[in-house]
Amino acid sequence: MANLKTIKLGQSGLEASQIALGIMRMGSLSVADATKVIETTYNAGVNFYDAADIYLNGKSEKTFGEALKQASFSRDDIYIQSKGGIVLDPSRSNGDLVFGQRYDFSKQHLLEAVDGILQRLDIDYLDSFLLHRPDALMEPEEIADAFNELQASGKVRHFGVSNFNGSQIDVLQSYLNQKLIVDQLQFGVMHTGMVDSGIHVNMTDADSVDHDSGLLEYLRFHKMNIQAWSPYQYGMFEGAFIDNPKFPELNAKLQEVADKYNVTKNAIATAWITRMPQNIQVLLGSMNPKHLQESIAGADVQLDKQEWYDIYFAAGHTLP
């Protein structure tokens, strides 16, 4: 296993690799190919794997669990995280694009969701379990009861959220006995609203609009980590920006910086995120071992400040 930079996740005591693997697409692989993917990432230093019960309607978790049994490392060598709280709508879901009939944070649903996750993964516990998008009808008391029961039973060790704003976290945290450790959010050089609004404070242009309630600063202050999903995508699953002819200036700049460090554009897109001071954990979603190795290499690249800003400008962003 290679050395890869690690970060502390929240106030949990977990020390995880800064690069993690998200297994959303793993259900489309054979067990042999899935095993190759997790072996590739583990050998490169990754020790954190992120799932969700809705990924390919549970098939991704099942494939990961089967692959883990074929791997050269054991379950206790890695951290496994999953997410729950979305009731899947099969009629609107297709492949990677999954949509819910509703969000459901009732105690009964959360307990059943974790049991299903553990059964599909064929493991005894999760290192962390996240609420997967905010439920407008959430009752924090029910969530607190569910978390207490899951922790007491040994089924879940730590908890977090996904796509929550600061106010939602504050309300939920006030009822919990456990400290929330992470907020999983879309972030990358083509999804920078959290950065833009901070730079454009007190301005009246479009970038000054804060859609995220100051999440970068909020999470840093409260010692919670961002887990960046879809780091190489633009829009919401509209496609990758790397090698995309829609973004010639960005790709030219990524290539220029990549040449300097003798890595690929994927690595520089990773390094752009890890250069930020918030200790962001980057969730890779590729199932291509070569692409994964290229992206992981970015953790060893330390961009200087001008390089970081030049890439930000090349993505179409400005300074006031």
Protein backbone atom coordinates (compact mmCIF):
# COMPACT_ATOMS: atom_id res chain seq x y z
CA MET A 1 0.00 0.00 0.00
CA ALA A 2 1.47 3.35 -1.07
CA ASN A 3 1.69 6.35 1.22
CA LEU A 4 -1.11 8.82 0.54
CA LYS A 5 -1.88 11.97 2.49
CA THR A 6 -4.40 11.37 5.24
CA ILE A 7 -6.79 13.76 6.96
CA LYS A 8 -8.79 13.62 10.18
CA LEU A 9 -12.52 13.38 9.59
CA GLY A 10 -14.36 15.75 11.88
CA GLN A 11 -13.86 15.05 15.55
CA SER A 12 -14.17 11.29 15.08
CA GLY A 13 -10.55 10.27 15.43
CA LEU A 14 -10.75 8.61 12.00
CA GLU A 15 -7.64 9.29 9.91
CA ALA A 16 -8.59 8.57 6.32
CA SER A 17 -6.92 8.97 2.96
CA GLN A 18 -7.64 12.37 1.42
CA ILE A 19 -8.65 10.56 -1.77
CA ALA A 20 -11.56 8.14 -1.47
CA LEU A 21 -13.47 5.94 -3.87
CA GLY A 22 -17.19 6.36 -4.44
CA ILE A 23 -18.76 3.13 -5.66
CA MET A 24 -21.90 4.50 -7.33
CA ARG A 25 -21.10 2.79 -10.65
CA MET A 26 -19.61 -0.41 -9.24
CA GLY A 27 -22.81 -2.38 -9.68
CA SER A 28 -22.27 -2.35 -13.44
CA LEU A 29 -18.98 -4.30 -13.09
CA SER A 30 -18.27 -7.97 -12.72
CA VAL A 31 -16.93 -8.99 -9.33
CA ALA A 32 -13.52 -9.60 -10.91
CA ASP A 33 -13.41 -6.09 -12.39
CA ALA A 34 -14.69 -4.56 -9.16
CA THR A 35 -11.94 -6.37 -7.27
CA LYS A 36 -9.36 -4.90 -9.64
CA VAL A 37 -10.76 -1.41 -8.97
CA ILE A 38 -10.59 -1.67 -5.19
CA GLU A 39 -7.16 -3.34 -5.34
CA THR A 40 -5.88 -0.50 -7.55
CA THR A 41 -7.11 2.18 -5.19
CA TYR A 42 -5.99 0.40 -2.03
CA ASN A 43 -2.50 -0.20 -3.42
CA ALA A 44 -2.34 3.52 -4.27
CA GLY A 45 -3.05 4.41 -0.64
CA VAL A 46 -6.85 4.80 -0.58
CA ASN A 47 -8.44 3.41 2.58
CA PHE A 48 -11.91 5.01 2.39
CA TYR A 49 -14.86 3.73 0.33
CA ASP A 50 -18.20 5.51 -0.01
CA ALA A 51 -21.50 3.88 -0.93
CA ALA A 52 -25.24 4.56 -0.78
CA ASP A 53 -28.20 2.24 -0.63
CA ILE A 54 -29.71 3.68 -3.82
CA TYR A 55 -26.63 3.21 -6.04
CA LEU A 56 -27.89 0.99 -8.85
CA ASN A 57 -30.69 0.06 -6.45
CA GLY A 58 -28.31 -1.65 -4.03
CA LYS A 59 -26.36 -3.58 -6.64
CA SER A 60 -23.23 -1.44 -6.19
CA GLU A 61 -23.04 -2.27 -2.48
CA LYS A 62 -23.56 -5.98 -3.20
CA THR A 63 -20.81 -6.02 -5.85
CA PHE A 64 -18.44 -4.14 -3.54
CA GLY A 65 -19.10 -6.61 -0.74
CA GLU A 66 -18.38 -9.55 -3.02
CA ALA A 67 -15.24 -7.88 -4.38
CA LEU A 68 -14.00 -7.18 -0.85
CA LYS A 69 -14.01 -10.91 -0.13
CA GLN A 70 -11.73 -11.46 -3.15
CA ALA A 71 -9.36 -8.62 -2.26
CA SER A 72 -5.91 -9.00 -0.74
CA PHE A 73 -6.86 -6.77 2.19
CA SER A 74 -9.52 -7.19 4.85
CA ARG A 75 -12.55 -5.19 5.88
CA ASP A 76 -10.77 -3.87 8.97
CA ASP A 77 -7.98 -2.39 6.80
CA ILE A 78 -10.38 0.19 5.34
CA TYR A 79 -13.17 2.58 6.23
CA ILE A 80 -16.58 1.90 4.71
CA GLN A 81 -19.26 4.58 4.58
CA SER A 82 -22.76 4.47 3.18
CA LYS A 83 -25.76 6.76 2.91
CA GLY A 84 -29.50 6.33 3.33
CA GLY A 85 -32.74 8.23 3.54
CA ILE A 86 -33.86 8.30 -0.11
CA VAL A 87 -36.73 6.07 -1.16
CA LEU A 88 -35.89 5.22 -4.75
CA ASP A 89 -38.26 5.94 -7.64
CA PRO A 90 -37.47 3.25 -10.24
CA SER A 91 -39.65 4.90 -12.89
CA ARG A 92 -37.47 8.04 -12.92
CA SER A 93 -34.12 6.35 -12.35
CA ASN A 94 -31.85 5.11 -15.10
CA GLY A 95 -28.33 3.82 -14.57
CA ASP A 96 -26.22 6.42 -12.75
CA LEU A 97 -29.12 8.89 -12.56
CA VAL A 98 -31.20 8.02 -9.53
CA PHE A 99 -34.19 9.91 -8.17
CA GLY A 100 -36.32 9.46 -5.11
CA GLN A 101 -40.04 9.16 -4.53
CA ARG A 102 -39.38 10.90 -1.24
CA TYR A 103 -36.74 11.48 1.39
CA ASP A 104 -37.43 9.58 4.59
CA PHE A 105 -35.55 10.18 7.83
CA SER A 106 -38.03 8.34 10.04
CA LYS A 107 -36.46 6.12 12.67
CA GLN A 108 -37.94 3.00 11.12
CA HIS A 109 -36.63 3.80 7.65
CA LEU A 110 -33.12 4.66 8.85
CA LEU A 111 -32.83 1.48 10.90
CA GLU A 112 -34.09 -0.62 8.01
CA ALA A 113 -31.80 1.19 5.58
CA VAL A 114 -28.69 0.40 7.63
CA ASP A 115 -29.72 -3.24 8.03
CA GLY A 116 -30.11 -3.49 4.26
CA ILE A 117 -26.75 -1.84 3.65
CA LEU A 118 -24.93 -4.17 6.03
CA GLN A 119 -26.62 -7.19 4.47
CA ARG A 120 -25.67 -6.18 0.91
CA LEU A 121 -22.10 -5.31 1.88
CA ASP A 122 -21.98 -8.46 4.03
CA ILE A 123 -20.20 -6.66 6.87
CA ASP A 124 -20.98 -6.15 10.56
CA TYR A 125 -20.64 -2.37 10.85
CA LEU A 126 -20.24 0.92 8.99
CA ASP A 127 -17.49 3.31 9.96
CA SER A 128 -19.86 6.15 9.03
CA PHE A 129 -23.43 6.57 7.87
CA LEU A 130 -24.72 9.75 6.20
CA LEU A 131 -28.19 11.16 5.72
CA HIS A 132 -28.50 11.35 1.94
CA ARG A 133 -29.96 14.82 1.13
CA PRO A 134 -32.19 16.82 3.51
CA ASP A 135 -35.70 15.57 4.28
CA ALA A 136 -38.06 18.55 4.54
CA LEU A 137 -40.18 16.50 6.96
CA MET A 138 -37.32 15.38 9.19
CA GLU A 139 -37.98 15.08 12.90
CA PRO A 140 -34.61 15.47 14.64
CA GLU A 141 -35.82 13.51 17.66
CA GLU A 142 -36.44 10.45 15.47
CA ILE A 143 -33.07 10.76 13.81
CA ALA A 144 -31.40 11.06 17.23
CA ASP A 145 -33.17 7.91 18.43
CA ALA A 146 -32.10 6.04 15.29
CA PHE A 147 -28.48 7.18 15.61
CA ASN A 148 -28.36 6.21 19.29
CA GLU A 149 -29.71 2.74 18.53
CA LEU A 150 -27.38 2.23 15.57
CA GLN A 151 -24.35 3.27 17.60
CA ALA A 152 -25.31 1.26 20.68
CA SER A 153 -25.81 -1.87 18.58
CA GLY A 154 -22.37 -1.43 17.00
CA LYS A 155 -23.81 -1.16 13.50
CA VAL A 156 -22.58 2.42 12.90
CA ARG A 157 -19.62 4.15 14.52
CA HIS A 158 -19.93 7.73 13.20
CA PHE A 159 -22.48 9.90 11.42
CA GLY A 160 -22.66 12.72 8.90
CA VAL A 161 -24.85 14.35 6.28
CA SER A 162 -24.90 14.94 2.56
CA ASN A 163 -25.94 18.15 0.79
CA PHE A 164 -27.04 19.90 4.01
CA ASN A 165 -26.65 23.63 4.63
CA GLY A 166 -25.38 25.06 7.90
CA SER A 167 -28.80 25.80 9.38
CA GLN A 168 -30.00 22.27 8.72
CA ILE A 169 -26.86 20.90 10.36
CA ASP A 170 -27.34 23.16 13.40
CA VAL A 171 -30.90 22.02 13.94
CA LEU A 172 -30.02 18.35 13.63
CA GLN A 173 -26.82 18.57 15.68
CA SER A 174 -28.69 20.17 18.59
CA TYR A 175 -30.59 16.89 19.09
CA LEU A 176 -27.70 14.46 18.64
CA ASN A 177 -25.35 12.85 21.12
CA GLN A 178 -22.85 12.26 18.30
CA LYS A 179 -20.83 14.91 16.48
CA LEU A 180 -21.55 14.99 12.76
CA ILE A 181 -18.21 14.53 11.01
CA VAL A 182 -18.74 15.29 7.30
CA ASP A 183 -21.02 16.99 4.79
CA GLN A 184 -20.85 15.40 1.35
CA LEU A 185 -21.22 18.09 -1.33
CA GLN A 186 -20.61 18.48 -5.03
CA PHE A 187 -17.39 20.42 -5.50
CA GLY A 188 -14.69 20.87 -8.13
CA VAL A 189 -13.28 23.54 -10.41
CA MET A 190 -16.54 23.63 -12.41
CA HIS A 191 -18.78 23.62 -9.34
CA THR A 192 -17.49 26.45 -7.15
CA GLY A 193 -20.49 28.31 -5.78
CA MET A 194 -19.17 28.03 -2.24
CA VAL A 195 -15.92 29.72 -3.31
CA ASP A 196 -17.49 32.31 -5.64
CA SER A 197 -19.85 33.80 -3.06
CA GLY A 198 -17.02 34.14 -0.55
CA ILE A 199 -14.81 35.98 -3.04
CA HIS A 200 -17.66 38.25 -4.19
CA VAL A 201 -18.86 39.36 -0.76
CA ASN A 202 -20.56 42.78 -0.81
CA MET A 203 -20.91 42.72 -4.59
CA THR A 204 -24.09 42.71 -6.69
CA ASP A 205 -23.01 40.40 -9.51
CA ALA A 206 -24.26 36.84 -10.01
CA ASP A 207 -21.27 35.31 -8.22
CA SER A 208 -22.13 37.19 -5.04
CA VAL A 209 -25.33 35.15 -4.59
CA ASP A 210 -24.78 32.68 -1.75
CA HIS A 211 -26.69 29.50 -2.49
CA ASP A 212 -24.92 27.54 0.23
CA SER A 213 -25.18 29.62 3.44
CA GLY A 214 -21.43 30.09 3.77
CA LEU A 215 -20.77 26.35 3.96
CA LEU A 216 -17.00 26.50 3.41
CA GLU A 217 -16.54 28.69 6.45
CA TYR A 218 -19.28 27.03 8.48
CA LEU A 219 -17.87 23.52 8.11
CA ARG A 220 -14.33 24.67 8.82
CA PHE A 221 -15.45 26.46 11.97
CA HIS A 222 -17.41 23.42 13.18
CA LYS A 223 -14.57 21.00 12.37
CA MET A 224 -16.51 19.06 9.74
CA ASN A 225 -14.99 17.94 6.47
CA ILE A 226 -16.36 18.34 2.99
CA GLN A 227 -16.44 15.17 0.92
CA ALA A 228 -16.38 16.37 -2.69
CA TRP A 229 -18.53 14.29 -5.02
CA SER A 230 -18.45 14.51 -8.83
CA PRO A 231 -15.18 16.50 -8.69
CA TYR A 232 -14.63 16.31 -12.47
CA GLN A 233 -18.22 16.97 -13.57
CA TYR A 234 -19.94 20.15 -14.69
CA GLY A 235 -23.60 20.66 -13.91
CA MET A 236 -25.32 17.75 -12.25
CA PHE A 237 -24.10 14.68 -14.14
CA GLU A 238 -24.06 16.64 -17.41
CA GLY A 239 -20.60 15.28 -18.14
CA ALA A 240 -16.91 15.55 -17.41
CA PHE A 241 -15.10 18.81 -18.14
CA ILE A 242 -11.71 17.15 -18.70
CA ASP A 243 -11.01 16.74 -22.44
CA ASN A 244 -14.42 18.27 -23.15
CA PRO A 245 -14.34 20.64 -26.18
CA LYS A 246 -16.85 22.89 -24.42
CA PHE A 247 -14.06 24.01 -22.07
CA PRO A 248 -10.95 24.66 -24.20
CA GLU A 249 -9.41 27.34 -21.97
CA LEU A 250 -9.73 25.22 -18.83
CA ASN A 251 -8.30 22.13 -20.49
CA ALA A 252 -5.40 24.10 -21.92
CA LYS A 253 -4.54 25.46 -18.48
CA LEU A 254 -4.90 22.04 -16.82
CA GLN A 255 -2.56 20.58 -19.45
CA GLU A 256 -0.04 23.38 -18.97
CA VAL A 257 0.11 22.81 -15.22
CA ALA A 258 0.05 19.02 -15.66
CA ASP A 259 3.10 19.23 -17.92
CA LYS A 260 4.97 21.18 -15.27
CA TYR A 261 4.35 18.49 -12.64
CA ASN A 262 4.60 15.55 -15.06
CA VAL A 263 1.10 14.32 -14.27
CA THR A 264 -2.27 14.29 -16.07
CA LYS A 265 -5.11 16.80 -16.19
CA ASN A 266 -7.09 14.55 -13.86
CA ALA A 267 -4.33 14.84 -11.29
CA ILE A 268 -4.33 18.64 -11.49
CA ALA A 269 -8.12 18.75 -11.11
CA THR A 270 -7.64 16.71 -7.94
CA ALA A 271 -4.78 18.93 -6.75
CA TRP A 272 -6.94 22.03 -7.26
CA ILE A 273 -9.35 20.68 -4.64
CA THR A 274 -6.75 19.39 -2.19
CA ARG A 275 -4.90 22.74 -2.34
CA MET A 276 -7.76 24.33 -0.42
CA PRO A 277 -7.18 24.72 3.34
CA GLN A 278 -10.40 22.95 4.40
CA ASN A 279 -8.94 19.40 4.19
CA ILE A 280 -11.50 18.37 1.60
CA GLN A 281 -11.75 14.65 0.89
CA VAL A 282 -12.06 13.96 -2.84
CA LEU A 283 -14.45 11.17 -3.85
CA LEU A 284 -13.42 9.58 -7.13
CA GLY A 285 -16.20 7.92 -9.11
CA SER A 286 -14.39 6.31 -12.03
CA MET A 287 -14.34 2.53 -12.39
CA ASN A 288 -11.33 2.72 -14.74
CA PRO A 289 -8.15 1.68 -12.88
CA LYS A 290 -5.91 3.80 -15.12
CA HIS A 291 -8.02 6.93 -14.63
CA LEU A 292 -8.12 6.28 -10.90
CA GLN A 293 -4.33 6.07 -10.67
CA GLU A 294 -4.02 9.32 -12.64
CA SER A 295 -6.48 11.12 -10.37
CA ILE A 296 -4.96 9.82 -7.15
CA ALA A 297 -1.56 11.17 -8.24
CA GLY A 298 -2.94 14.67 -7.74
CA ALA A 299 -2.77 14.26 -3.98
CA ASP A 300 1.02 14.53 -4.24
CA VAL A 301 0.91 17.80 -6.20
CA GLN A 302 1.02 21.03 -4.22
CA LEU A 303 -0.15 23.86 -6.47
CA ASP A 304 1.11 27.32 -5.68
CA LYS A 305 -1.43 30.07 -5.15
CA GLN A 306 -1.11 31.57 -8.62
CA GLU A 307 -1.60 28.19 -10.27
CA TRP A 308 -4.75 27.62 -8.21
CA TYR A 309 -6.16 31.02 -9.21
CA ASP A 310 -5.13 30.62 -12.86
CA ILE A 311 -7.10 27.36 -13.06
CA TYR A 312 -10.04 29.08 -11.36
CA PHE A 313 -9.91 31.87 -13.98
CA ALA A 314 -9.64 29.37 -16.84
CA ALA A 315 -12.88 27.79 -15.63
CA GLY A 316 -14.61 31.12 -16.26
CA HIS A 317 -14.46 32.64 -12.78
CA THR A 318 -13.37 36.18 -11.94
CA LEU A 319 -12.17 38.33 -9.08
CA PRO A 320 -14.09 41.52 -8.23
